Amino acid sequence: MKNFGLIVVAGMLFLLQGCAGFHANNIEKVNADQLRTSSANKVKVYSRWDFKTDSANAQVNAVNVATYKKRFDEVLTAANCCVIVAAPGEADLVVDGVGYDENSKAAIIPALITGFSLYTIPSWVTINFHVTVNAQKGSVKRNYDVKDSMTMVQWLPMALAFPFANPFPMEKELGDNAIRNLILKMKQDVLL
């Protein structure tokens, strides 16, 4: 009986890995090193974010707003070019960002069918990451629009690709790379 339980757990873990992610690569890969600067002058940055979705759940939307702000601030801090400030009056650069929920809620239906078929019926979903930013430094104003996507495929043969194309960390990296692209564009426009 003990061996049977172990086999069931091992089988479930194998089946849960029947998915793989594939980047669309709509934007270039940006390393954190490309953003770093050794300048002693740090730009004071204030960012405020909004989240556009068709969901009416205010708590979920507030969490998403906080997540976008946190992500942006973390990548900006890692670039060693800026200091995050608490109010727009203290800032050299004010960033108004918007994250967009462009992911299909209906994607859960094919995923459930795939799960119930033990991954013999394939399904896929495109995961989008899209942000727009209005940045103002003094009289200089710039607008940015950055988006990228990845496709997650659920199908039993994807268990072979899973170790090389794990979609779960890939989704976070998709968003982080989009934010790094945004910051690189701001750096190229001499806002940072």
N, C-alpha and C. Protein backbone atom coordinates (compact mmCIF):
# COMPACT_ATOMS: atom_id res chain seq x y z
N MET A 1 0.82 -1.19 0.00
CA MET A 1 0.00 0.00 0.00
C MET A 1 0.87 1.26 0.00
N LYS A 2 1.98 1.22 0.75
CA LYS A 2 2.89 2.36 0.83
C LYS A 2 3.50 2.65 -0.54
N ASN A 3 3.88 1.59 -1.26
CA ASN A 3 4.46 1.75 -2.60
C ASN A 3 3.43 2.31 -3.58
N PHE A 4 2.18 1.88 -3.44
CA PHE A 4 1.12 2.36 -4.32
C PHE A 4 0.94 3.87 -4.16
N GLY A 5 0.95 4.35 -2.92
CA GLY A 5 0.82 5.79 -2.66
C GLY A 5 1.99 6.56 -3.26
N LEU A 6 3.18 6.02 -3.16
CA LEU A 6 4.37 6.65 -3.74
C LEU A 6 4.26 6.71 -5.26
N ILE A 7 3.78 5.66 -5.87
CA ILE A 7 3.60 5.62 -7.32
C ILE A 7 2.56 6.65 -7.76
N VAL A 8 1.48 6.77 -7.02
CA VAL A 8 0.43 7.75 -7.34
C VAL A 8 0.99 9.16 -7.26
N VAL A 9 1.73 9.47 -6.20
CA VAL A 9 2.32 10.80 -6.04
C VAL A 9 3.31 11.09 -7.17
N ALA A 10 4.16 10.12 -7.49
CA ALA A 10 5.14 10.30 -8.56
C ALA A 10 4.43 10.50 -9.90
N GLY A 11 3.37 9.73 -10.13
CA GLY A 11 2.61 9.89 -11.37
C GLY A 11 1.95 11.25 -11.49
N MET A 12 1.40 11.74 -10.39
CA MET A 12 0.76 13.07 -10.39
C MET A 12 1.79 14.17 -10.65
N LEU A 13 2.95 14.05 -10.03
CA LEU A 13 4.00 15.04 -10.26
C LEU A 13 4.42 15.04 -11.72
N PHE A 14 4.52 13.85 -12.31
CA PHE A 14 4.88 13.75 -13.73
C PHE A 14 3.82 14.41 -14.61
N LEU A 15 2.55 14.12 -14.30
CA LEU A 15 1.47 14.69 -15.10
C LEU A 15 1.37 16.21 -14.94
N LEU A 16 1.64 16.70 -13.74
CA LEU A 16 1.58 18.14 -13.52
C LEU A 16 2.67 18.87 -14.28
N GLN A 17 3.71 18.15 -14.69
CA GLN A 17 4.78 18.76 -15.45
C GLN A 17 4.53 18.65 -16.95
N GLY A 18 3.35 18.31 -17.36
CA GLY A 18 3.03 18.17 -18.77
C GLY A 18 2.74 19.51 -19.41
N CYS A 19 3.53 20.52 -19.08
CA CYS A 19 3.34 21.82 -19.70
C CYS A 19 4.70 22.45 -19.94
N ALA A 20 4.74 23.32 -20.93
CA ALA A 20 5.98 24.02 -21.27
C ALA A 20 5.61 25.41 -21.77
N GLY A 21 6.53 26.34 -21.60
CA GLY A 21 6.30 27.72 -22.02
C GLY A 21 7.24 28.12 -23.14
N PHE A 22 6.75 28.97 -24.01
CA PHE A 22 7.52 29.43 -25.16
C PHE A 22 7.35 30.94 -25.30
N HIS A 23 8.47 31.67 -25.20
CA HIS A 23 8.44 33.13 -25.32
C HIS A 23 8.10 33.55 -26.74
N ALA A 24 7.37 34.64 -26.88
CA ALA A 24 7.11 35.23 -28.19
C ALA A 24 8.31 36.07 -28.62
N ASN A 25 9.08 36.58 -27.65
CA ASN A 25 10.25 37.42 -27.91
C ASN A 25 9.91 38.62 -28.79
N ASN A 26 8.85 39.32 -28.44
CA ASN A 26 8.47 40.53 -29.16
C ASN A 26 9.39 41.70 -28.83
N ILE A 27 10.10 41.61 -27.73
CA ILE A 27 11.05 42.65 -27.33
C ILE A 27 12.38 41.98 -27.01
N GLU A 28 13.43 42.77 -27.05
CA GLU A 28 14.76 42.20 -26.80
C GLU A 28 14.94 41.83 -25.33
N LYS A 29 15.83 40.90 -25.09
CA LYS A 29 16.18 40.53 -23.72
C LYS A 29 17.13 41.60 -23.18
N VAL A 30 16.81 42.11 -22.00
CA VAL A 30 17.64 43.12 -21.35
C VAL A 30 18.13 42.55 -20.03
N ASN A 31 19.44 42.57 -19.84
CA ASN A 31 20.04 42.12 -18.58
C ASN A 31 20.02 43.25 -17.57
N ALA A 32 20.05 42.90 -16.33
CA ALA A 32 20.13 43.91 -15.27
C ALA A 32 21.42 44.72 -15.40
N ASP A 33 22.49 44.10 -15.91
CA ASP A 33 23.76 44.80 -16.09
C ASP A 33 23.66 45.95 -17.08
N GLN A 34 22.78 45.82 -18.08
CA GLN A 34 22.60 46.88 -19.07
C GLN A 34 21.98 48.13 -18.45
N LEU A 35 21.32 47.99 -17.34
CA LEU A 35 20.65 49.11 -16.69
C LEU A 35 21.52 49.79 -15.64
N ARG A 36 22.52 49.09 -15.15
CA ARG A 36 23.32 49.62 -14.04
C ARG A 36 24.14 50.83 -14.47
N THR A 37 24.26 51.74 -13.55
CA THR A 37 25.09 52.91 -13.77
C THR A 37 25.92 53.14 -12.52
N SER A 38 27.08 53.73 -12.70
CA SER A 38 27.95 54.00 -11.55
C SER A 38 27.94 55.48 -11.19
N SER A 39 27.03 56.22 -11.77
CA SER A 39 26.95 57.65 -11.51
C SER A 39 26.62 57.93 -10.05
N ALA A 40 27.26 58.94 -9.52
CA ALA A 40 27.00 59.32 -8.12
C ALA A 40 25.68 60.08 -8.00
N ASN A 41 25.25 60.71 -9.09
CA ASN A 41 23.98 61.45 -9.09
C ASN A 41 22.83 60.47 -9.29
N LYS A 42 22.03 60.34 -8.30
CA LYS A 42 20.87 59.44 -8.36
C LYS A 42 19.62 60.26 -8.67
N VAL A 43 18.85 59.80 -9.64
CA VAL A 43 17.59 60.44 -10.00
C VAL A 43 16.54 60.03 -8.99
N LYS A 44 15.80 61.00 -8.48
CA LYS A 44 14.71 60.71 -7.55
C LYS A 44 13.47 60.39 -8.37
N VAL A 45 12.90 59.20 -8.13
CA VAL A 45 11.78 58.71 -8.94
C VAL A 45 10.58 58.42 -8.05
N TYR A 46 9.44 58.89 -8.51
CA TYR A 46 8.17 58.55 -7.88
C TYR A 46 7.32 57.86 -8.94
N SER A 47 6.78 56.69 -8.61
CA SER A 47 5.92 56.00 -9.58
C SER A 47 4.57 55.70 -8.95
N ARG A 48 3.55 55.85 -9.75
CA ARG A 48 2.19 55.44 -9.34
C ARG A 48 1.63 54.61 -10.50
N TRP A 49 0.89 53.59 -10.11
CA TRP A 49 0.43 52.62 -11.10
C TRP A 49 -1.08 52.43 -11.02
N ASP A 50 -1.62 51.99 -12.14
CA ASP A 50 -3.03 51.63 -12.25
C ASP A 50 -3.08 50.28 -12.95
N PHE A 51 -4.20 49.61 -12.85
CA PHE A 51 -4.37 48.31 -13.47
C PHE A 51 -5.71 48.29 -14.19
N LYS A 52 -5.68 48.07 -15.50
CA LYS A 52 -6.90 48.05 -16.31
C LYS A 52 -7.33 46.61 -16.54
N THR A 53 -8.55 46.33 -16.09
CA THR A 53 -9.10 44.99 -16.23
C THR A 53 -10.62 45.08 -16.30
N ASP A 54 -11.24 43.99 -16.71
CA ASP A 54 -12.70 43.96 -16.72
C ASP A 54 -13.24 43.38 -15.41
N SER A 55 -12.37 43.06 -14.48
CA SER A 55 -12.77 42.52 -13.19
C SER A 55 -13.27 43.63 -12.27
N ALA A 56 -14.32 43.36 -11.54
CA ALA A 56 -14.86 44.34 -10.60
C ALA A 56 -14.36 44.10 -9.17
N ASN A 57 -13.48 43.13 -8.99
CA ASN A 57 -12.97 42.79 -7.67
C ASN A 57 -11.92 43.82 -7.25
N ALA A 58 -12.28 44.74 -6.40
CA ALA A 58 -11.40 45.84 -6.00
C ALA A 58 -10.16 45.35 -5.26
N GLN A 59 -10.30 44.31 -4.45
CA GLN A 59 -9.14 43.79 -3.71
C GLN A 59 -8.09 43.21 -4.65
N VAL A 60 -8.53 42.42 -5.63
CA VAL A 60 -7.61 41.83 -6.59
C VAL A 60 -6.94 42.92 -7.41
N ASN A 61 -7.71 43.92 -7.81
CA ASN A 61 -7.15 45.03 -8.59
C ASN A 61 -6.13 45.81 -7.78
N ALA A 62 -6.38 46.02 -6.49
CA ALA A 62 -5.44 46.73 -5.63
C ALA A 62 -4.14 45.93 -5.48
N VAL A 63 -4.25 44.61 -5.38
CA VAL A 63 -3.06 43.76 -5.30
C VAL A 63 -2.24 43.88 -6.59
N ASN A 64 -2.92 43.90 -7.72
CA ASN A 64 -2.22 44.03 -9.00
C ASN A 64 -1.53 45.37 -9.12
N VAL A 65 -2.18 46.45 -8.69
CA VAL A 65 -1.56 47.78 -8.71
C VAL A 65 -0.28 47.76 -7.87
N ALA A 66 -0.36 47.20 -6.67
CA ALA A 66 0.80 47.13 -5.78
C ALA A 66 1.91 46.26 -6.39
N THR A 67 1.53 45.19 -7.06
CA THR A 67 2.51 44.30 -7.68
C THR A 67 3.28 45.01 -8.79
N TYR A 68 2.55 45.74 -9.64
CA TYR A 68 3.22 46.47 -10.73
C TYR A 68 4.17 47.53 -10.17
N LYS A 69 3.74 48.26 -9.16
CA LYS A 69 4.60 49.27 -8.55
C LYS A 69 5.83 48.64 -7.93
N LYS A 70 5.63 47.56 -7.19
CA LYS A 70 6.75 46.88 -6.53
C LYS A 70 7.75 46.37 -7.56
N ARG A 71 7.24 45.76 -8.63
CA ARG A 71 8.11 45.23 -9.68
C ARG A 71 8.95 46.33 -10.32
N PHE A 72 8.29 47.43 -10.65
CA PHE A 72 8.98 48.56 -11.28
C PHE A 72 10.03 49.12 -10.32
N ASP A 73 9.66 49.35 -9.08
CA ASP A 73 10.59 49.92 -8.10
C ASP A 73 11.79 49.00 -7.86
N GLU A 74 11.55 47.68 -7.81
CA GLU A 74 12.65 46.74 -7.58
C GLU A 74 13.65 46.75 -8.72
N VAL A 75 13.15 46.74 -9.95
CA VAL A 75 14.05 46.74 -11.10
C VAL A 75 14.80 48.07 -11.17
N LEU A 76 14.12 49.15 -10.87
CA LEU A 76 14.74 50.48 -10.87
C LEU A 76 15.83 50.57 -9.80
N THR A 77 15.56 50.06 -8.63
CA THR A 77 16.54 50.07 -7.54
C THR A 77 17.76 49.22 -7.90
N ALA A 78 17.54 48.07 -8.54
CA ALA A 78 18.65 47.20 -8.94
C ALA A 78 19.55 47.87 -9.98
N ALA A 79 19.02 48.83 -10.73
CA ALA A 79 19.81 49.54 -11.75
C ALA A 79 20.82 50.50 -11.13
N ASN A 80 20.68 50.79 -9.85
CA ASN A 80 21.61 51.65 -9.12
C ASN A 80 21.68 53.06 -9.71
N CYS A 81 20.59 53.52 -10.29
CA CYS A 81 20.58 54.85 -10.90
C CYS A 81 19.66 55.81 -10.18
N CYS A 82 18.85 55.26 -9.30
CA CYS A 82 17.74 56.05 -8.79
C CYS A 82 17.51 55.83 -7.30
N VAL A 83 16.75 56.76 -6.77
CA VAL A 83 16.26 56.67 -5.41
C VAL A 83 14.74 56.79 -5.50
N ILE A 84 14.04 55.85 -4.90
CA ILE A 84 12.58 55.87 -4.89
C ILE A 84 12.13 56.83 -3.79
N VAL A 85 11.27 57.78 -4.13
CA VAL A 85 10.76 58.73 -3.15
C VAL A 85 9.27 58.51 -2.93
N ALA A 86 8.75 59.06 -1.84
CA ALA A 86 7.38 58.77 -1.40
C ALA A 86 6.34 59.73 -1.97
N ALA A 87 6.74 60.84 -2.55
CA ALA A 87 5.76 61.82 -3.04
C ALA A 87 6.25 62.43 -4.35
N PRO A 88 5.33 62.78 -5.23
CA PRO A 88 5.74 63.36 -6.53
C PRO A 88 6.48 64.69 -6.40
N GLY A 89 6.20 65.44 -5.34
CA GLY A 89 6.88 66.72 -5.14
C GLY A 89 8.36 66.57 -4.85
N GLU A 90 8.77 65.40 -4.34
CA GLU A 90 10.17 65.14 -4.02
C GLU A 90 10.95 64.60 -5.22
N ALA A 91 10.26 64.24 -6.30
CA ALA A 91 10.86 63.49 -7.40
C ALA A 91 11.39 64.38 -8.52
N ASP A 92 12.47 63.90 -9.14
CA ASP A 92 12.96 64.49 -10.39
C ASP A 92 12.16 63.93 -11.57
N LEU A 93 11.77 62.66 -11.45
CA LEU A 93 11.05 61.95 -12.51
C LEU A 93 9.78 61.35 -11.92
N VAL A 94 8.64 61.68 -12.52
CA VAL A 94 7.36 61.12 -12.10
C VAL A 94 6.88 60.15 -13.18
N VAL A 95 6.60 58.93 -12.77
CA VAL A 95 6.19 57.88 -13.69
C VAL A 95 4.75 57.48 -13.37
N ASP A 96 3.88 57.60 -14.38
CA ASP A 96 2.50 57.12 -14.28
C ASP A 96 2.38 55.89 -15.16
N GLY A 97 2.26 54.73 -14.54
CA GLY A 97 2.21 53.48 -15.29
C GLY A 97 0.86 52.81 -15.22
N VAL A 98 0.57 52.05 -16.26
CA VAL A 98 -0.67 51.27 -16.32
C VAL A 98 -0.33 49.86 -16.78
N GLY A 99 -0.77 48.89 -16.00
CA GLY A 99 -0.67 47.49 -16.39
C GLY A 99 -2.01 47.04 -16.93
N TYR A 100 -1.98 46.20 -17.96
CA TYR A 100 -3.23 45.77 -18.61
C TYR A 100 -3.43 44.27 -18.44
N ASP A 101 -4.64 43.89 -18.09
CA ASP A 101 -5.02 42.49 -18.00
C ASP A 101 -5.60 42.09 -19.35
N GLU A 102 -4.76 41.49 -20.18
CA GLU A 102 -5.20 41.08 -21.52
C GLU A 102 -5.25 39.57 -21.66
N ASN A 103 -5.33 38.88 -20.54
CA ASN A 103 -5.35 37.42 -20.55
C ASN A 103 -6.78 36.91 -20.52
N SER A 104 -7.02 35.87 -21.28
CA SER A 104 -8.36 35.31 -21.43
C SER A 104 -8.78 34.52 -20.20
N LYS A 105 -9.92 34.88 -19.66
CA LYS A 105 -10.47 34.13 -18.51
C LYS A 105 -11.02 32.78 -18.96
N ALA A 106 -11.36 32.66 -20.24
CA ALA A 106 -11.93 31.42 -20.76
C ALA A 106 -10.87 30.34 -20.95
N ALA A 107 -9.59 30.67 -20.79
CA ALA A 107 -8.52 29.69 -20.98
C ALA A 107 -8.59 28.56 -19.96
N ILE A 108 -9.30 28.76 -18.88
CA ILE A 108 -9.41 27.74 -17.85
C ILE A 108 -10.18 26.52 -18.37
N ILE A 109 -11.10 26.73 -19.29
CA ILE A 109 -11.93 25.62 -19.79
C ILE A 109 -11.08 24.58 -20.54
N PRO A 110 -10.28 24.98 -21.55
CA PRO A 110 -9.45 23.96 -22.19
C PRO A 110 -8.41 23.36 -21.24
N ALA A 111 -7.92 24.16 -20.28
CA ALA A 111 -6.96 23.62 -19.31
C ALA A 111 -7.60 22.53 -18.47
N LEU A 112 -8.86 22.72 -18.07
CA LEU A 112 -9.57 21.69 -17.30
C LEU A 112 -9.78 20.43 -18.14
N ILE A 113 -10.12 20.62 -19.40
CA ILE A 113 -10.31 19.46 -20.30
C ILE A 113 -9.00 18.69 -20.42
N THR A 114 -7.90 19.43 -20.58
CA THR A 114 -6.59 18.78 -20.66
C THR A 114 -6.29 18.01 -19.38
N GLY A 115 -6.55 18.62 -18.24
CA GLY A 115 -6.31 17.96 -16.96
C GLY A 115 -7.15 16.71 -16.78
N PHE A 116 -8.44 16.80 -17.12
CA PHE A 116 -9.33 15.64 -16.97
C PHE A 116 -8.96 14.51 -17.94
N SER A 117 -8.34 14.87 -19.07
CA SER A 117 -7.93 13.83 -20.03
C SER A 117 -6.54 13.29 -19.73
N LEU A 118 -6.00 13.66 -18.56
CA LEU A 118 -4.65 13.27 -18.16
C LEU A 118 -3.62 13.72 -19.19
N TYR A 119 -3.82 14.92 -19.68
CA TYR A 119 -2.90 15.61 -20.60
C TYR A 119 -2.79 14.96 -21.97
N THR A 120 -3.76 14.13 -22.36
CA THR A 120 -3.74 13.54 -23.69
C THR A 120 -4.37 14.48 -24.71
N ILE A 121 -5.25 15.37 -24.28
CA ILE A 121 -5.84 16.39 -25.16
C ILE A 121 -5.07 17.69 -24.89
N PRO A 122 -4.39 18.22 -25.91
CA PRO A 122 -3.57 19.42 -25.68
C PRO A 122 -4.41 20.69 -25.54
N SER A 123 -3.85 21.66 -24.83
CA SER A 123 -4.43 23.00 -24.76
C SER A 123 -3.29 23.99 -24.62
N TRP A 124 -3.56 25.22 -24.92
CA TRP A 124 -2.55 26.26 -24.80
C TRP A 124 -3.22 27.58 -24.49
N VAL A 125 -2.44 28.46 -23.93
CA VAL A 125 -2.94 29.78 -23.58
C VAL A 125 -1.80 30.77 -23.81
N THR A 126 -2.14 31.94 -24.31
CA THR A 126 -1.16 33.01 -24.48
C THR A 126 -1.25 33.91 -23.26
N ILE A 127 -0.13 34.13 -22.63
CA ILE A 127 -0.03 35.00 -21.45
C ILE A 127 0.62 36.30 -21.90
N ASN A 128 -0.10 37.40 -21.72
CA ASN A 128 0.38 38.70 -22.17
C ASN A 128 0.85 39.54 -20.99
N PHE A 129 1.87 40.34 -21.24
CA PHE A 129 2.33 41.33 -20.27
C PHE A 129 2.42 42.65 -21.03
N HIS A 130 1.62 43.63 -20.61
CA HIS A 130 1.53 44.90 -21.33
C HIS A 130 1.49 46.04 -20.33
N VAL A 131 2.39 47.00 -20.50
CA VAL A 131 2.40 48.19 -19.66
C VAL A 131 2.58 49.43 -20.55
N THR A 132 1.94 50.51 -20.13
CA THR A 132 2.19 51.82 -20.74
C THR A 132 2.62 52.76 -19.63
N VAL A 133 3.48 53.70 -19.98
CA VAL A 133 4.01 54.62 -18.99
C VAL A 133 4.08 56.02 -19.58
N ASN A 134 3.67 56.99 -18.78
CA ASN A 134 3.91 58.40 -19.08
C ASN A 134 4.93 58.86 -18.06
N ALA A 135 6.08 59.33 -18.55
CA ALA A 135 7.16 59.77 -17.67
C ALA A 135 7.42 61.25 -17.89
N GLN A 136 7.59 61.97 -16.79
CA GLN A 136 7.85 63.41 -16.89
C GLN A 136 9.01 63.79 -15.98
N LYS A 137 9.99 64.44 -16.59
CA LYS A 137 11.15 64.96 -15.86
C LYS A 137 11.28 66.42 -16.24
N GLY A 138 10.85 67.29 -15.35
CA GLY A 138 10.82 68.72 -15.66
C GLY A 138 9.82 68.98 -16.77
N SER A 139 10.29 69.57 -17.85
CA SER A 139 9.40 69.86 -18.99
C SER A 139 9.42 68.74 -20.03
N VAL A 140 10.25 67.73 -19.82
CA VAL A 140 10.38 66.63 -20.78
C VAL A 140 9.36 65.54 -20.44
N LYS A 141 8.55 65.20 -21.42
CA LYS A 141 7.54 64.15 -21.25
C LYS A 141 7.75 63.07 -22.31
N ARG A 142 7.67 61.84 -21.89
CA ARG A 142 7.80 60.71 -22.81
C ARG A 142 6.72 59.68 -22.49
N ASN A 143 6.26 59.01 -23.55
CA ASN A 143 5.27 57.94 -23.41
C ASN A 143 5.90 56.64 -23.91
N TYR A 144 5.63 55.57 -23.19
CA TYR A 144 6.19 54.27 -23.54
C TYR A 144 5.07 53.23 -23.54
N ASP A 145 5.22 52.26 -24.43
CA ASP A 145 4.27 51.15 -24.53
C ASP A 145 5.10 49.88 -24.75
N VAL A 146 5.09 48.99 -23.76
CA VAL A 146 5.91 47.77 -23.84
C VAL A 146 5.00 46.57 -23.64
N LYS A 147 5.13 45.61 -24.55
CA LYS A 147 4.34 44.38 -24.39
C LYS A 147 5.09 43.19 -24.95
N ASP A 148 4.87 42.08 -24.32
CA ASP A 148 5.45 40.81 -24.76
C ASP A 148 4.49 39.71 -24.33
N SER A 149 4.73 38.51 -24.80
CA SER A 149 3.84 37.41 -24.44
C SER A 149 4.60 36.09 -24.48
N MET A 150 3.96 35.09 -23.95
CA MET A 150 4.46 33.72 -24.01
C MET A 150 3.26 32.79 -24.19
N THR A 151 3.52 31.62 -24.70
CA THR A 151 2.46 30.63 -24.85
C THR A 151 2.79 29.44 -23.96
N MET A 152 1.81 29.06 -23.15
CA MET A 152 1.97 27.88 -22.31
C MET A 152 1.16 26.75 -22.93
N VAL A 153 1.84 25.65 -23.21
CA VAL A 153 1.21 24.48 -23.82
C VAL A 153 1.11 23.38 -22.77
N GLN A 154 -0.09 22.82 -22.64
CA GLN A 154 -0.31 21.70 -21.74
C GLN A 154 -0.64 20.48 -22.59
N TRP A 155 0.24 19.49 -22.50
CA TRP A 155 0.09 18.27 -23.28
C TRP A 155 1.11 17.29 -22.76
N LEU A 156 0.79 16.03 -22.68
CA LEU A 156 1.67 15.03 -22.08
C LEU A 156 3.09 15.05 -22.65
N PRO A 157 3.30 15.16 -23.97
CA PRO A 157 4.68 15.22 -24.48
C PRO A 157 5.49 16.43 -23.98
N MET A 158 4.81 17.45 -23.47
CA MET A 158 5.52 18.62 -22.96
C MET A 158 6.28 18.30 -21.67
N ALA A 159 6.02 17.14 -21.07
CA ALA A 159 6.79 16.73 -19.89
C ALA A 159 8.27 16.61 -20.23
N LEU A 160 8.57 16.30 -21.49
CA LEU A 160 9.97 16.22 -21.93
C LEU A 160 10.59 17.61 -22.06
N ALA A 161 9.80 18.60 -22.39
CA ALA A 161 10.31 19.97 -22.55
C ALA A 161 10.29 20.75 -21.24
N PHE A 162 9.50 20.29 -20.28
CA PHE A 162 9.31 21.03 -19.02
C PHE A 162 10.61 21.45 -18.34
N PRO A 163 11.60 20.56 -18.21
CA PRO A 163 12.82 20.99 -17.51
C PRO A 163 13.54 22.15 -18.21
N PHE A 164 13.34 22.29 -19.52
CA PHE A 164 14.03 23.33 -20.30
C PHE A 164 13.14 24.53 -20.56
N ALA A 165 11.84 24.36 -20.43
CA ALA A 165 10.89 25.43 -20.74
C ALA A 165 9.81 25.53 -19.66
N ASN A 166 10.25 25.57 -18.40
CA ASN A 166 9.32 25.65 -17.28
C ASN A 166 8.55 26.97 -17.36
N PRO A 167 7.23 26.93 -17.55
CA PRO A 167 6.48 28.16 -17.77
C PRO A 167 6.28 29.02 -16.52
N PHE A 168 6.45 28.45 -15.35
CA PHE A 168 6.14 29.20 -14.13
C PHE A 168 7.16 30.31 -13.85
N PRO A 169 8.46 30.03 -13.81
CA PRO A 169 9.40 31.14 -13.67
C PRO A 169 9.48 31.98 -14.94
N MET A 170 9.15 31.38 -16.07
CA MET A 170 9.18 32.10 -17.34
C MET A 170 8.18 33.25 -17.35
N GLU A 171 7.03 33.06 -16.72
CA GLU A 171 6.02 34.11 -16.67
C GLU A 171 6.52 35.32 -15.88
N LYS A 172 7.19 35.08 -14.76
CA LYS A 172 7.76 36.18 -13.97
C LYS A 172 8.86 36.88 -14.77
N GLU A 173 9.71 36.10 -15.43
CA GLU A 173 10.80 36.67 -16.23
C GLU A 173 10.24 37.51 -17.39
N LEU A 174 9.12 37.09 -17.94
CA LEU A 174 8.48 37.85 -19.02
C LEU A 174 8.16 39.27 -18.54
N GLY A 175 7.55 39.38 -17.37
CA GLY A 175 7.21 40.69 -16.82
C GLY A 175 8.43 41.49 -16.43
N ASP A 176 9.41 40.83 -15.80
CA ASP A 176 10.63 41.53 -15.40
C ASP A 176 11.39 42.07 -16.61
N ASN A 177 11.45 41.27 -17.69
CA ASN A 177 12.14 41.73 -18.89
C ASN A 177 11.42 42.92 -19.53
N ALA A 178 10.10 42.90 -19.50
CA ALA A 178 9.34 44.04 -20.05
C ALA A 178 9.63 45.31 -19.24
N ILE A 179 9.69 45.19 -17.92
CA ILE A 179 10.01 46.35 -17.07
C ILE A 179 11.44 46.81 -17.34
N ARG A 180 12.39 45.86 -17.49
CA ARG A 180 13.77 46.25 -17.80
C ARG A 180 13.85 46.97 -19.14
N ASN A 181 13.07 46.51 -20.13
CA ASN A 181 13.01 47.19 -21.43
C ASN A 181 12.51 48.62 -21.28
N LEU A 182 11.49 48.78 -20.48
CA LEU A 182 10.92 50.10 -20.22
C LEU A 182 11.97 51.02 -19.60
N ILE A 183 12.67 50.53 -18.60
CA ILE A 183 13.68 51.34 -17.92
C ILE A 183 14.85 51.65 -18.85
N LEU A 184 15.24 50.68 -19.70
CA LEU A 184 16.30 50.94 -20.67
C LEU A 184 15.90 52.04 -21.64
N LYS A 185 14.65 52.03 -22.09
CA LYS A 185 14.17 53.10 -22.99
C LYS A 185 14.20 54.46 -22.29
N MET A 186 13.84 54.49 -21.02
CA MET A 186 13.89 55.74 -20.26
C MET A 186 15.33 56.20 -20.07
N LYS A 187 16.23 55.25 -19.89
CA LYS A 187 17.64 55.57 -19.75
C LYS A 187 18.19 56.13 -21.08
N GLN A 188 17.78 55.52 -22.19
CA GLN A 188 18.23 55.99 -23.51
C GLN A 188 17.69 57.38 -23.83
N ASP A 189 16.53 57.70 -23.28
CA ASP A 189 15.95 59.05 -23.47
C ASP A 189 16.48 60.05 -22.44
N VAL A 190 17.48 59.65 -21.68
CA VAL A 190 18.16 60.47 -20.67
C VAL A 190 17.21 60.97 -19.58
N LEU A 191 16.20 60.16 -19.28
CA LEU A 191 15.34 60.48 -18.14
C LEU A 191 15.96 59.93 -16.86
N LEU A 192 16.78 58.90 -17.00
CA LEU A 192 17.46 58.29 -15.84
C LEU A 192 18.95 58.50 -15.95
